[in-house]
Protein backbone atom coordinates (compact mmCIF):
# COMPACT_ATOMS: atom_id res chain seq x y z
CA UNK A 1 9.51 -13.03 1.59
CA UNK A 2 6.25 -13.36 -0.36
CA UNK A 3 3.00 -12.05 1.03
CA UNK A 4 -0.54 -12.85 0.02
CA UNK A 5 -3.36 -10.34 -0.32
CA UNK A 6 -5.15 -11.78 2.71
CA UNK A 7 -2.12 -12.04 5.00
CA UNK A 8 -1.95 -10.33 8.37
CA UNK A 9 0.90 -8.40 9.96
CA UNK A 10 3.02 -10.64 12.17
CA UNK A 11 4.64 -8.42 14.79
CA UNK A 12 7.01 -11.19 15.92
CA UNK A 13 8.30 -11.73 12.37
CA UNK A 14 11.89 -10.78 11.47
CA UNK A 15 10.41 -8.79 8.56
CA UNK A 16 9.63 -5.17 9.48
CA UNK A 17 5.90 -4.36 9.69
CA UNK A 18 6.17 -1.72 6.93
CA UNK A 19 7.77 -4.31 4.61
CA UNK A 20 5.03 -6.82 5.43
CA UNK A 21 2.35 -4.22 4.69
CA UNK A 22 4.04 -3.19 1.45
CA UNK A 23 4.08 -6.86 0.40
CA UNK A 24 0.43 -7.33 1.29
CA UNK A 25 -0.57 -4.18 -0.59
CA UNK A 26 1.47 -5.30 -3.63
CA UNK A 27 -0.40 -8.60 -3.58
CA UNK A 28 -3.73 -6.79 -3.31
CA UNK A 29 -2.77 -4.58 -6.27
CA UNK A 30 -1.78 -7.65 -8.28
CA UNK A 31 -5.09 -9.32 -7.43
CA UNK A 32 -6.93 -6.25 -8.71
CA UNK A 33 -8.49 -5.06 -5.45
CA UNK A 34 -8.16 -1.50 -6.78
CA UNK A 35 -8.54 -0.51 -10.41
CA UNK A 36 -5.97 1.71 -12.21
CA UNK A 37 -6.30 5.41 -11.42
CA UNK A 38 -8.58 4.67 -8.47
CA UNK A 39 -7.81 5.54 -4.86
CA UNK A 40 -6.55 2.98 -2.39
CA UNK A 41 -7.65 3.18 1.27
CA UNK A 42 -6.40 6.19 3.21
CA UNK A 43 -3.48 5.96 5.62
CA UNK A 44 -5.96 6.17 8.50
CA UNK A 45 -8.02 3.31 7.06
CA UNK A 46 -4.90 1.16 6.57
CA UNK A 47 -3.80 1.95 10.15
CA UNK A 48 -7.16 0.70 11.42
CA UNK A 49 -7.27 -2.33 9.14
CA UNK A 50 -3.77 -3.57 9.96
CA UNK A 51 -3.29 -2.18 13.48
CA UNK A 52 -0.20 -0.18 12.55
CA UNK A 53 1.00 3.35 13.26
CA UNK A 54 0.68 6.09 10.66
CA UNK A 55 4.48 6.36 10.09
CA UNK A 56 4.64 2.60 9.43
CA UNK A 57 1.79 2.80 6.90
CA UNK A 58 3.30 5.90 5.32
CA UNK A 59 6.63 4.07 4.82
CA UNK A 60 4.89 1.09 3.21
CA UNK A 61 2.99 3.36 0.82
CA UNK A 62 6.21 5.25 0.04
CA UNK A 63 7.75 1.92 -1.04
CA UNK A 64 4.86 1.42 -3.46
CA UNK A 65 5.31 4.96 -4.80
CA UNK A 66 9.03 4.32 -5.33
CA UNK A 67 8.18 1.09 -7.18
CA UNK A 68 5.82 3.03 -9.45
CA UNK A 69 2.75 1.05 -8.39
CA UNK A 70 0.87 4.01 -6.91
CA UNK A 71 1.08 7.79 -6.93
CA UNK A 72 -0.11 10.44 -4.50
CA UNK A 73 -2.17 13.53 -5.16
CA UNK A 74 -1.75 16.07 -2.35
CA UNK A 75 -4.90 16.45 -0.26
CA UNK A 76 -6.72 13.82 -2.34
CA UNK A 77 -5.09 10.47 -1.65
CA UNK A 78 -3.03 7.69 -3.14
CA UNK A 79 -4.03 6.19 -6.46
CA UNK A 80 -3.12 3.07 -8.43
CA UNK A 81 -0.86 3.87 -11.36
CA UNK A 82 -2.70 3.55 -14.65
CA UNK A 83 -1.60 2.69 -18.16
CA UNK A 84 -1.21 6.37 -18.99
CA UNK A 85 0.95 6.97 -15.87
CA UNK A 86 0.41 9.66 -13.30
CA UNK A 87 0.44 13.13 -14.78
CA UNK A 88 -1.90 14.34 -12.06
């Protein structure tokens, strides 16, 4: 299922909320909402913005990490992968 950058989480959808959020965040990355090597909103901010629990947001972000779209820096945040990759 394709998601747009301005979509909302549909709790009655057959798609899991974490998968919906991952799709929305992918679309926001593709649109350029966050520049390479810049931080995306924190888990807490994403929880507030989308009305989801922290484990759900964490799973969506983990999907983006696995796909190589973002990387995490312990105690700093999650950043968009840049052209020079994440050696941080």
